[in-house]
N, C-alpha and C. Protein backbone atom coordinates (compact mmCIF):
# COMPACT_ATOMS: atom_id res chain seq x y z
N MET A 1 7.39 18.83 3.89
CA MET A 1 6.52 18.38 4.21
C MET A 1 7.03 16.33 2.86
N SER A 2 6.19 16.13 4.35
CA SER A 2 6.68 14.65 3.82
C SER A 2 5.50 13.78 2.89
N THR A 3 6.18 12.48 2.66
CA THR A 3 5.96 12.26 1.03
C THR A 3 4.90 11.12 2.07
N LYS A 4 3.40 10.21 1.96
CA LYS A 4 3.39 9.34 2.29
C LYS A 4 3.47 7.58 1.33
N LEU A 5 3.77 7.32 2.56
CA LEU A 5 4.87 5.61 2.32
C LEU A 5 3.51 4.57 1.75
N TYR A 6 1.86 5.01 2.56
CA TYR A 6 1.29 4.65 1.23
C TYR A 6 0.50 5.13 0.23
N THR A 7 -0.23 4.63 -0.95
CA THR A 7 0.25 5.50 -2.42
C THR A 7 -1.91 4.90 -2.18
N LYS A 8 -2.21 3.81 -2.08
CA LYS A 8 -3.50 3.32 -2.47
C LYS A 8 -3.80 2.98 -3.33
N THR A 9 -2.59 2.82 -3.82
CA THR A 9 -2.53 2.63 -5.50
C THR A 9 -2.75 0.97 -5.93
N GLY A 10 -2.47 0.10 -4.89
CA GLY A 10 -2.66 -1.38 -4.75
C GLY A 10 -3.41 -1.77 -3.86
N ASP A 11 -4.78 -1.36 -3.31
CA ASP A 11 -6.01 -1.72 -2.84
C ASP A 11 -6.43 -2.38 -3.95
N LYS A 12 -6.64 -2.62 -5.11
CA LYS A 12 -6.94 -3.51 -6.31
C LYS A 12 -6.54 -4.50 -6.55
N GLY A 13 -5.34 -4.61 -5.88
CA GLY A 13 -4.44 -5.49 -6.47
C GLY A 13 -3.76 -5.52 -7.27
N GLN A 14 -3.33 -4.30 -7.76
CA GLN A 14 -2.84 -3.72 -9.06
C GLN A 14 -1.28 -2.64 -8.55
N THR A 15 0.38 -2.93 -9.06
CA THR A 15 1.64 -2.15 -8.46
C THR A 15 1.78 -2.49 -10.37
N SER A 16 3.04 -1.08 -9.56
CA SER A 16 3.46 0.00 -11.46
C SER A 16 5.00 -0.71 -10.67
N LEU A 17 5.04 -1.51 -12.48
CA LEU A 17 6.35 -1.90 -12.33
C LEU A 17 7.83 -0.32 -12.65
N LEU A 18 8.58 -0.30 -12.80
CA LEU A 18 9.30 0.18 -12.70
C LEU A 18 9.87 0.65 -14.69
N GLY A 19 8.95 1.53 -14.55
CA GLY A 19 9.06 2.42 -16.23
C GLY A 19 7.17 2.83 -15.92
N GLY A 20 6.45 2.13 -15.19
CA GLY A 20 4.98 2.86 -15.22
C GLY A 20 3.92 1.35 -15.23
N GLN A 21 4.56 0.56 -16.39
CA GLN A 21 3.18 -0.59 -15.79
C GLN A 21 2.61 -1.00 -15.23
N LYS A 22 1.16 -1.51 -15.44
CA LYS A 22 0.91 -2.15 -13.98
C LYS A 22 0.16 -3.09 -14.48
N VAL A 23 0.66 -4.26 -13.17
CA VAL A 23 0.49 -5.65 -13.66
C VAL A 23 -0.64 -6.01 -12.33
N SER A 24 -0.88 -6.53 -11.85
CA SER A 24 -2.09 -7.46 -10.53
C SER A 24 -0.52 -7.84 -9.81
N LYS A 25 -0.83 -8.03 -8.16
CA LYS A 25 0.43 -8.00 -7.71
C LYS A 25 0.52 -9.80 -7.73
N SER A 26 0.02 -10.10 -8.64
CA SER A 26 -0.19 -12.04 -8.37
C SER A 26 0.55 -12.43 -9.19
N ASP A 27 1.25 -11.00 -10.66
CA ASP A 27 1.76 -11.98 -11.71
C ASP A 27 3.38 -12.13 -11.34
N LEU A 28 3.48 -12.95 -12.18
CA LEU A 28 5.37 -14.02 -11.96
C LEU A 28 6.43 -12.97 -11.76
N ARG A 29 6.39 -12.10 -12.56
CA ARG A 29 7.62 -10.73 -11.71
C ARG A 29 7.42 -10.44 -11.02
N ILE A 30 6.19 -10.23 -10.61
CA ILE A 30 6.08 -9.50 -8.93
C ILE A 30 6.47 -10.80 -7.66
N ASP A 31 6.14 -12.14 -8.35
CA ASP A 31 6.40 -13.10 -7.71
C ASP A 31 7.85 -13.12 -7.83
N ALA A 32 8.58 -13.63 -8.39
CA ALA A 32 9.59 -12.73 -8.88
C ALA A 32 10.59 -13.19 -7.94
N TYR A 33 10.74 -10.85 -7.64
CA TYR A 33 11.51 -10.19 -7.50
C TYR A 33 10.68 -10.44 -5.49
N GLY A 34 9.20 -10.17 -5.91
CA GLY A 34 9.23 -11.15 -4.32
C GLY A 34 9.83 -11.48 -3.01
N ASN A 35 9.93 -12.44 -4.27
CA ASN A 35 10.73 -14.26 -3.34
C ASN A 35 12.61 -13.49 -3.33
N VAL A 36 13.50 -13.23 -4.18
CA VAL A 36 14.37 -12.49 -3.47
C VAL A 36 14.76 -11.64 -2.64
N ASP A 37 13.10 -10.73 -2.78
CA ASP A 37 13.33 -9.46 -2.10
C ASP A 37 13.21 -10.56 -0.23
N GLU A 38 12.73 -10.96 0.58
CA GLU A 38 12.40 -12.33 0.86
C GLU A 38 13.99 -12.83 1.43
N LEU A 39 14.06 -13.69 0.82
CA LEU A 39 15.76 -13.96 1.25
C LEU A 39 16.91 -12.99 1.36
N ASN A 40 17.06 -12.27 0.48
CA ASN A 40 17.45 -10.67 1.12
C ASN A 40 16.97 -10.75 2.61
N SER A 41 16.12 -10.55 2.87
CA SER A 41 15.83 -10.47 4.71
C SER A 41 15.80 -10.97 5.27
N PHE A 42 16.16 -12.93 4.92
CA PHE A 42 16.66 -13.75 5.50
C PHE A 42 18.16 -13.15 5.91
N ILE A 43 18.52 -13.15 4.64
CA ILE A 43 20.15 -13.25 4.75
C ILE A 43 20.99 -11.46 5.77
N GLY A 44 19.32 -10.64 6.32
CA GLY A 44 20.34 -10.23 6.54
C GLY A 44 19.58 -10.41 8.03
N LEU A 45 19.41 -11.32 8.16
CA LEU A 45 18.71 -11.55 9.95
C LEU A 45 20.27 -12.52 10.29
N LEU A 46 20.41 -13.61 8.87
CA LEU A 46 21.39 -14.26 9.33
C LEU A 46 23.12 -13.47 9.88
N LYS A 47 23.11 -12.62 8.33
CA LYS A 47 24.17 -11.62 8.66
C LYS A 47 24.41 -10.63 9.76
N ASP A 48 22.98 -10.56 10.41
CA ASP A 48 23.22 -10.20 12.17
C ASP A 48 23.14 -11.15 13.45
N HIS A 49 22.63 -12.65 13.23
CA HIS A 49 23.47 -12.49 13.93
C HIS A 49 24.68 -12.53 14.67
N PRO A 50 25.20 -12.79 15.58
CA PRO A 50 26.24 -12.24 16.54
C PRO A 50 27.96 -13.07 15.91
N GLU A 51 27.03 -14.93 16.30
CA GLU A 51 27.88 -15.53 15.92
C GLU A 51 28.99 -15.78 13.77
N VAL A 52 28.23 -14.86 12.92
CA VAL A 52 28.65 -14.63 11.99
C VAL A 52 30.14 -13.31 12.08
N GLU A 53 30.78 -14.03 11.46
CA GLU A 53 32.21 -13.37 11.93
C GLU A 53 32.18 -12.46 11.06
N ALA A 54 32.79 -11.77 10.89
CA ALA A 54 33.14 -10.09 9.37
C ALA A 54 33.46 -10.69 8.12
N ARG A 55 34.48 -11.63 8.42
CA ARG A 55 34.36 -12.03 6.90
C ARG A 55 33.14 -12.77 6.14
N ILE A 56 32.86 -13.56 6.70
CA ILE A 56 31.69 -13.94 5.60
C ILE A 56 30.71 -13.37 5.82
N GLY A 57 29.96 -12.68 7.31
CA GLY A 57 29.12 -11.00 7.16
C GLY A 57 29.73 -10.31 5.76
N ASN A 58 30.74 -10.17 5.27
CA ASN A 58 30.96 -9.40 4.08
C ASN A 58 30.60 -9.49 3.46
N GLN A 59 30.67 -11.12 2.71
CA GLN A 59 30.17 -12.32 1.83
C GLN A 59 28.54 -12.11 1.73
N PHE A 60 28.26 -11.90 2.49
CA PHE A 60 25.85 -11.45 3.44
C PHE A 60 25.89 -10.19 2.67
N TYR A 61 26.42 -9.90 2.55
CA TYR A 61 26.42 -7.83 2.90
C TYR A 61 26.05 -7.55 1.19
N TRP A 62 27.44 -8.52 0.70
CA TRP A 62 28.34 -8.17 -0.91
C TRP A 62 26.56 -9.10 -1.73
N ILE A 63 26.34 -10.29 -1.46
CA ILE A 63 25.06 -10.56 -1.85
C ILE A 63 23.68 -9.98 -1.45
N GLN A 64 23.71 -9.50 -0.53
CA GLN A 64 21.97 -8.45 -0.61
C GLN A 64 22.15 -8.15 -1.60
N GLU A 65 24.13 -7.30 -1.54
CA GLU A 65 24.03 -5.68 -3.00
C GLU A 65 23.57 -6.23 -3.81
N ASN A 66 23.80 -7.85 -4.61
CA ASN A 66 23.42 -8.46 -5.73
C ASN A 66 21.83 -8.62 -5.87
N LEU A 67 21.54 -9.09 -5.28
CA LEU A 67 20.21 -9.81 -4.56
C LEU A 67 19.52 -8.14 -4.07
N PHE A 68 19.40 -7.30 -4.42
CA PHE A 68 18.97 -5.89 -4.93
C PHE A 68 19.07 -5.46 -6.11
N THR A 69 20.26 -5.52 -6.35
CA THR A 69 19.89 -5.80 -8.53
C THR A 69 19.58 -7.06 -8.74
N ILE A 70 19.00 -7.72 -8.69
CA ILE A 70 18.81 -8.54 -9.32
C ILE A 70 17.02 -8.39 -9.10
N GLY A 71 16.24 -8.35 -7.78
CA GLY A 71 15.06 -7.54 -7.37
C GLY A 71 14.76 -6.19 -8.55
N SER A 72 15.85 -5.56 -9.22
CA SER A 72 15.39 -4.40 -9.46
C SER A 72 14.99 -4.58 -11.26
N ILE A 73 15.88 -5.46 -11.41
CA ILE A 73 15.79 -5.99 -12.76
C ILE A 73 14.62 -6.47 -12.82
N LEU A 74 13.85 -7.65 -12.16
CA LEU A 74 12.70 -8.28 -11.95
C LEU A 74 11.63 -7.21 -12.01
N ALA A 75 11.88 -6.19 -11.23
CA ALA A 75 10.95 -5.22 -11.00
C ALA A 75 10.54 -3.69 -11.89
N THR A 76 11.46 -4.08 -13.01
CA THR A 76 10.67 -2.85 -14.86
C THR A 76 10.61 -4.17 -15.63
N ALA A 77 9.87 -2.13 -15.74
CA ALA A 77 8.33 -2.80 -17.17
C ALA A 77 10.12 -3.27 -18.28
N PRO A 78 9.47 -4.67 -19.00
CA PRO A 78 10.24 -5.00 -20.47
C PRO A 78 10.25 -3.53 -21.04
N GLY A 79 11.38 -3.89 -21.46
CA GLY A 79 11.67 -2.50 -23.40
C GLY A 79 11.74 -1.10 -22.32
N PHE A 80 11.49 -1.60 -20.46
CA PHE A 80 12.02 0.30 -19.73
C PHE A 80 13.15 0.78 -20.34
N THR A 81 13.97 1.62 -20.71
CA THR A 81 15.10 2.32 -20.63
C THR A 81 14.77 3.86 -20.03
N GLY A 82 14.51 3.89 -18.75
CA GLY A 82 14.63 5.40 -18.76
C GLY A 82 15.77 5.68 -17.68
N PHE A 83 16.61 4.24 -17.20
CA PHE A 83 17.34 4.65 -16.82
C PHE A 83 18.34 2.85 -16.65
N LYS A 84 19.57 3.27 -16.88
CA LYS A 84 20.61 1.65 -16.50
C LYS A 84 20.42 1.37 -16.00
N LEU A 85 20.43 0.05 -15.38
CA LEU A 85 19.89 -0.77 -14.20
C LEU A 85 21.61 -1.46 -14.51
N PRO A 86 22.12 -1.45 -13.36
CA PRO A 86 23.53 -2.50 -12.64
C PRO A 86 22.51 -4.29 -13.33
N LYS A 87 23.65 -4.84 -13.17
CA LYS A 87 24.17 -5.48 -14.06
C LYS A 87 24.66 -6.88 -12.86
N VAL A 88 24.50 -8.56 -13.21
CA VAL A 88 24.31 -9.60 -12.44
C VAL A 88 24.73 -10.04 -13.90
N THR A 89 26.59 -10.47 -13.42
CA THR A 89 27.15 -10.53 -14.77
C THR A 89 28.08 -11.93 -13.90
N GLU A 90 29.16 -12.86 -14.95
CA GLU A 90 29.88 -14.10 -14.98
C GLU A 90 30.99 -13.52 -14.19
N VAL A 91 31.30 -12.28 -13.46
CA VAL A 91 31.84 -12.52 -12.83
C VAL A 91 31.52 -12.03 -10.92
N GLU A 92 30.33 -12.02 -11.58
CA GLU A 92 29.34 -12.14 -9.93
C GLU A 92 29.08 -13.91 -9.20
N ILE A 93 29.02 -14.34 -10.57
CA ILE A 93 28.78 -15.64 -10.56
C ILE A 93 30.30 -16.88 -9.67
N LYS A 94 31.42 -16.65 -11.04
CA LYS A 94 32.28 -17.01 -10.65
C LYS A 94 32.86 -16.56 -9.02
N GLN A 95 32.65 -15.06 -7.87
CA GLN A 95 32.57 -15.39 -7.31
C GLN A 95 32.18 -16.40 -6.31
N LEU A 96 30.45 -15.94 -6.14
CA LEU A 96 30.17 -17.61 -5.47
C LEU A 96 30.92 -18.56 -5.27
N GLU A 97 31.37 -18.72 -6.57
CA GLU A 97 31.80 -20.79 -7.59
C GLU A 97 33.82 -20.45 -6.74
N VAL A 98 34.19 -19.20 -6.15
CA VAL A 98 35.17 -19.46 -5.26
C VAL A 98 34.71 -19.50 -4.26
N TRP A 99 33.65 -18.85 -3.52
CA TRP A 99 33.29 -18.79 -2.02
C TRP A 99 32.76 -20.47 -2.41
N ILE A 100 31.98 -21.11 -2.78
CA ILE A 100 31.91 -22.13 -2.69
C ILE A 100 32.96 -23.58 -2.52
N ASP A 101 33.82 -23.10 -3.76
CA ASP A 101 35.58 -24.03 -3.44
C ASP A 101 35.78 -23.92 -2.31
N LYS A 102 36.30 -22.68 -1.81
CA LYS A 102 36.82 -22.47 -0.89
C LYS A 102 36.63 -23.68 0.46
N ALA A 103 35.25 -22.66 0.63
CA ALA A 103 34.46 -23.41 1.71
C ALA A 103 34.35 -24.92 1.84
N SER A 104 34.41 -25.79 0.60
CA SER A 104 33.94 -27.32 0.55
C SER A 104 35.10 -27.49 0.50
N GLY A 105 36.60 -27.04 -0.39
CA GLY A 105 38.06 -27.19 0.84
C GLY A 105 38.12 -28.12 1.88
N GLU A 106 38.05 -26.95 2.84
CA GLU A 106 38.19 -27.15 3.66
C GLU A 106 36.59 -28.04 5.21
N LEU A 107 36.03 -28.67 4.15
CA LEU A 107 34.72 -29.11 5.19
C LEU A 107 34.78 -30.29 4.75
N PRO A 108 34.76 -31.50 5.42
CA PRO A 108 35.30 -33.31 5.78
C PRO A 108 33.75 -33.55 4.48
N GLU A 109 34.33 -34.54 3.44
CA GLU A 109 32.79 -35.43 3.12
C GLU A 109 32.07 -35.91 3.03
N LEU A 110 30.84 -34.88 2.54
CA LEU A 110 29.66 -36.25 2.75
C LEU A 110 29.11 -36.59 2.58
N LYS A 111 28.67 -37.81 3.89
CA LYS A 111 28.18 -39.02 2.92
C LYS A 111 26.89 -39.19 3.04
N ASN A 112 26.68 -38.79 3.86
CA ASN A 112 24.79 -38.55 3.65
C ASN A 112 23.90 -37.24 3.32
N PHE A 113 22.70 -37.24 3.55
CA PHE A 113 21.50 -36.04 3.64
C PHE A 113 22.41 -35.80 5.38
N ILE A 114 22.08 -34.39 4.68
CA ILE A 114 21.22 -33.99 6.43
C ILE A 114 20.62 -32.97 6.30
N LEU A 115 20.58 -33.23 7.92
CA LEU A 115 19.04 -31.97 8.33
C LEU A 115 19.11 -30.82 8.69
N PRO A 116 18.24 -30.28 7.89
CA PRO A 116 19.19 -28.83 8.58
C PRO A 116 18.31 -28.62 10.39
N GLY A 117 19.47 -27.97 11.14
CA GLY A 117 19.31 -28.02 12.58
C GLY A 117 21.12 -27.56 12.92
N GLY A 118 21.02 -28.11 14.49
CA GLY A 118 22.12 -28.22 15.09
C GLY A 118 22.90 -26.36 15.87
N HIS A 119 22.26 -25.10 15.24
CA HIS A 119 22.83 -23.58 15.56
C HIS A 119 21.60 -23.81 15.02
N GLN A 120 21.57 -22.14 15.57
CA GLN A 120 20.70 -21.04 15.12
C GLN A 120 20.44 -20.65 13.27
N VAL A 121 22.67 -20.01 13.14
CA VAL A 121 22.69 -20.06 12.00
C VAL A 121 22.81 -20.61 11.23
N VAL A 122 23.02 -22.39 11.61
CA VAL A 122 23.22 -22.95 10.74
C VAL A 122 21.87 -22.81 9.79
N SER A 123 21.12 -23.06 11.28
CA SER A 123 19.39 -23.27 10.19
C SER A 123 18.45 -21.85 9.07
N LEU A 124 19.21 -21.22 10.19
CA LEU A 124 19.19 -19.82 9.53
C LEU A 124 19.67 -19.67 7.98
N CYS A 125 20.73 -20.72 7.38
CA CYS A 125 21.50 -21.20 6.34
C CYS A 125 20.64 -21.74 5.02
N HIS A 126 20.15 -22.69 5.88
CA HIS A 126 19.26 -24.06 5.68
C HIS A 126 17.87 -22.73 5.15
N VAL A 127 17.42 -22.14 5.35
CA VAL A 127 16.48 -21.25 5.18
C VAL A 127 16.70 -20.17 4.49
N CYS A 128 17.71 -20.20 4.66
CA CYS A 128 18.45 -19.18 3.26
C CYS A 128 18.30 -19.89 2.12
N ARG A 129 19.23 -20.75 1.60
CA ARG A 129 19.10 -21.81 0.59
C ARG A 129 17.42 -22.21 -0.42
N THR A 130 16.88 -22.11 0.79
CA THR A 130 15.58 -23.06 1.02
C THR A 130 14.42 -21.79 -0.27
N VAL A 131 15.27 -20.91 0.61
CA VAL A 131 14.18 -19.71 0.14
C VAL A 131 14.70 -18.83 -2.02
N CYS A 132 15.73 -19.41 -1.92
CA CYS A 132 16.93 -19.33 -2.77
C CYS A 132 16.34 -20.16 -3.59
N ARG A 133 16.34 -20.97 -3.33
CA ARG A 133 15.76 -21.88 -4.51
C ARG A 133 14.32 -21.31 -4.49
N ARG A 134 13.13 -21.73 -3.92
CA ARG A 134 12.43 -21.17 -4.90
C ARG A 134 12.26 -19.47 -5.69
N ALA A 135 12.60 -18.08 -4.86
CA ALA A 135 13.22 -17.44 -5.59
C ALA A 135 13.48 -18.04 -7.22
N GLU A 136 14.80 -18.41 -7.16
CA GLU A 136 15.18 -19.14 -8.67
C GLU A 136 13.49 -20.53 -9.22
N ARG A 137 13.51 -20.74 -8.63
CA ARG A 137 11.59 -21.28 -9.15
C ARG A 137 10.84 -20.54 -9.59
N SER A 138 10.61 -19.52 -9.35
CA SER A 138 10.04 -18.39 -9.63
C SER A 138 10.48 -17.37 -10.80
N ILE A 139 12.12 -17.78 -10.50
CA ILE A 139 12.16 -16.52 -12.12
C ILE A 139 12.44 -17.62 -13.31
N ILE A 140 12.37 -18.62 -13.05
CA ILE A 140 12.48 -19.69 -14.19
C ILE A 140 11.25 -19.44 -14.90
N ALA A 141 10.32 -18.71 -13.82
CA ALA A 141 8.69 -19.45 -14.24
C ALA A 141 8.57 -18.42 -15.41
N LEU A 142 8.82 -17.13 -14.32
CA LEU A 142 8.75 -15.24 -15.42
C LEU A 142 9.85 -15.83 -16.69
N SER A 143 10.74 -16.47 -16.53
CA SER A 143 11.78 -16.61 -18.06
C SER A 143 11.17 -17.28 -18.72
N GLN A 144 10.26 -17.90 -18.63
CA GLN A 144 9.23 -18.97 -19.49
C GLN A 144 8.26 -17.80 -20.15
N GLU A 145 7.73 -17.47 -19.71
CA GLU A 145 6.74 -15.90 -20.54
C GLU A 145 7.36 -15.37 -21.09
N GLU A 146 8.74 -14.30 -20.68
CA GLU A 146 8.90 -13.44 -20.96
C GLU A 146 10.49 -13.76 -20.75
N PRO A 147 11.30 -12.92 -21.67
CA PRO A 147 12.80 -13.13 -21.48
C PRO A 147 13.61 -12.57 -19.90
N VAL A 148 14.33 -13.49 -19.26
CA VAL A 148 15.25 -13.00 -18.42
C VAL A 148 15.95 -13.63 -18.55
N GLU A 149 17.21 -12.36 -17.98
CA GLU A 149 18.64 -12.65 -18.20
C GLU A 149 18.95 -14.31 -18.05
N SER A 150 20.13 -14.77 -18.44
CA SER A 150 19.97 -15.79 -17.65
C SER A 150 21.12 -15.61 -16.32
N GLU A 151 22.10 -15.03 -16.31
CA GLU A 151 23.01 -14.73 -15.34
C GLU A 151 22.07 -14.90 -14.35
N LEU A 152 21.01 -14.63 -14.05
CA LEU A 152 20.23 -14.31 -13.20
C LEU A 152 19.80 -15.83 -12.77
N ILE A 153 19.10 -16.79 -13.88
CA ILE A 153 19.33 -17.85 -13.21
C ILE A 153 20.44 -18.12 -12.22
N LYS A 154 21.42 -17.72 -12.90
CA LYS A 154 22.66 -19.15 -12.91
C LYS A 154 23.19 -19.18 -11.71
N PHE A 155 23.16 -17.05 -10.62
CA PHE A 155 23.62 -16.26 -10.26
C PHE A 155 23.04 -17.08 -8.35
N MET A 156 21.19 -17.58 -9.18
CA MET A 156 20.33 -17.98 -7.90
C MET A 156 21.15 -19.38 -7.77
N ASN A 157 21.62 -20.07 -8.99
CA ASN A 157 22.14 -21.57 -9.11
C ASN A 157 23.19 -21.62 -7.99
N ARG A 158 23.89 -20.87 -7.99
CA ARG A 158 24.66 -20.54 -7.56
C ARG A 158 24.74 -20.06 -6.67
N LEU A 159 24.05 -19.15 -5.66
CA LEU A 159 22.99 -18.78 -4.31
C LEU A 159 23.20 -19.22 -3.84
N SER A 160 21.72 -20.47 -4.33
CA SER A 160 20.96 -22.18 -3.65
C SER A 160 22.85 -22.80 -3.03
N ASP A 161 23.35 -23.30 -3.72
CA ASP A 161 24.58 -24.32 -3.37
C ASP A 161 25.66 -23.51 -2.42
N TYR A 162 25.07 -22.05 -2.18
CA TYR A 162 26.98 -21.48 -1.82
C TYR A 162 25.68 -21.52 0.07
N PHE A 163 24.70 -20.83 -0.24
CA PHE A 163 23.93 -21.36 1.55
C PHE A 163 23.86 -22.68 1.70
N PHE A 164 23.71 -24.34 0.41
CA PHE A 164 24.57 -25.13 1.89
C PHE A 164 25.66 -25.70 2.21
N VAL A 165 26.39 -25.03 1.48
CA VAL A 165 27.80 -25.78 1.30
C VAL A 165 28.13 -24.81 3.10
N MET A 166 27.47 -23.34 2.88
CA MET A 166 27.77 -22.36 4.77
C MET A 166 27.30 -23.23 5.14
N SER A 167 25.90 -23.74 5.22
CA SER A 167 25.38 -24.36 6.53
C SER A 167 26.38 -25.51 7.01
N ARG A 168 26.98 -26.45 6.05
CA ARG A 168 27.83 -26.78 6.72
C ARG A 168 29.41 -26.79 7.29
N LYS A 169 29.33 -24.91 7.10
CA LYS A 169 31.15 -24.49 7.31
C LYS A 169 30.15 -23.53 8.26
N MET A 170 29.10 -22.92 8.30
CA MET A 170 28.97 -22.54 9.61
C MET A 170 29.15 -23.35 10.86
N ALA A 171 28.11 -24.60 10.74
CA ALA A 171 28.62 -25.94 11.64
C ALA A 171 29.55 -26.32 11.80
N GLN A 172 30.68 -26.12 11.02
CA GLN A 172 31.94 -25.82 11.13
C GLN A 172 32.61 -25.54 12.23
N LEU A 173 32.69 -23.97 11.96
CA LEU A 173 32.88 -22.65 12.96
C LEU A 173 32.22 -23.15 14.09
N LEU A 174 31.38 -23.27 14.02
CA LEU A 174 30.84 -23.48 14.95
C LEU A 174 30.17 -24.29 16.35
N ASN A 175 31.49 -25.15 15.51
CA ASN A 175 31.30 -26.61 16.60
C ASN A 175 29.44 -27.11 16.75
N ALA A 176 28.78 -26.93 15.54
CA ALA A 176 27.47 -27.94 15.99
C ALA A 176 27.58 -29.19 15.15
N PRO A 177 26.67 -30.04 15.64
CA PRO A 177 26.15 -30.78 14.89
C PRO A 177 26.12 -31.11 13.53
N GLU A 178 26.27 -31.79 12.97
CA GLU A 178 25.09 -32.35 11.81
C GLU A 178 25.67 -33.71 11.04
N THR A 179 23.50 -33.30 11.70
CA THR A 179 23.06 -34.41 11.82
C THR A 179 22.14 -35.23 10.04
N PRO A 180 22.79 -36.74 9.95
CA PRO A 180 22.38 -36.23 9.11
C PRO A 180 20.68 -37.82 8.87
N TRP A 181 20.59 -37.78 7.73
CA TRP A 181 19.58 -38.41 6.94
C TRP A 181 19.67 -39.48 7.92
N SER A 182 17.91 -40.67 8.85
CA SER A 182 18.76 -41.66 8.99
C SER A 182 17.15 -42.24 8.56
N PRO A 183 17.09 -42.57 6.52
CA PRO A 183 15.05 -42.16 6.18
C PRO A 183 14.87 -44.71 6.79
N GLY A 184 13.75 -43.80 8.12
CA GLY A 184 13.46 -46.05 8.23
C GLY A 184 13.51 -46.31 9.80
N ASN A 185 14.53 -44.60 9.72
CA ASN A 185 14.84 -45.36 11.56
C ASN A 185 13.87 -44.76 12.68
N ASP A 186 13.41 -45.69 13.26
CA ASP A 186 13.11 -44.46 14.03
C ASP A 186 13.56 -44.14 15.73
């Protein structure tokens, strides 16, 4: 016997957190992990581009795994102790910093703001960066209402930096142009 995917419990705008607590689908916690889930989906789309080499694809996969951890932490009712969830720690934050520093060291100095674009992979890196910033803002909003582990916010902050650097690195690898922002020039 198969279990149906739909439960109809959300038809009135409610959902359950891990631990059973019912909350509105507009709850800050739902918004936060929904934004993380959206980011994870865009990273999957980015990772699946044939132009993304295996080494970078492996970084994207690692990031997806950590975002799933963050999503599960955010989807858990405060005080739930039914089982131990994985954590995001300073170790994961440091790994992002290592990748950011390595890629940055291989890029020319940035002298202007740049416009997203030049190649679909570059543009998707920028989409990931901006969705990551939104996810970070929603986690911060949640943290102003109830405790959130500081490592989650730090990870998301570094991750948006990672995707900015990765947009530039992918432009370099794909010989895509970086278009500087020229305010006031028509």
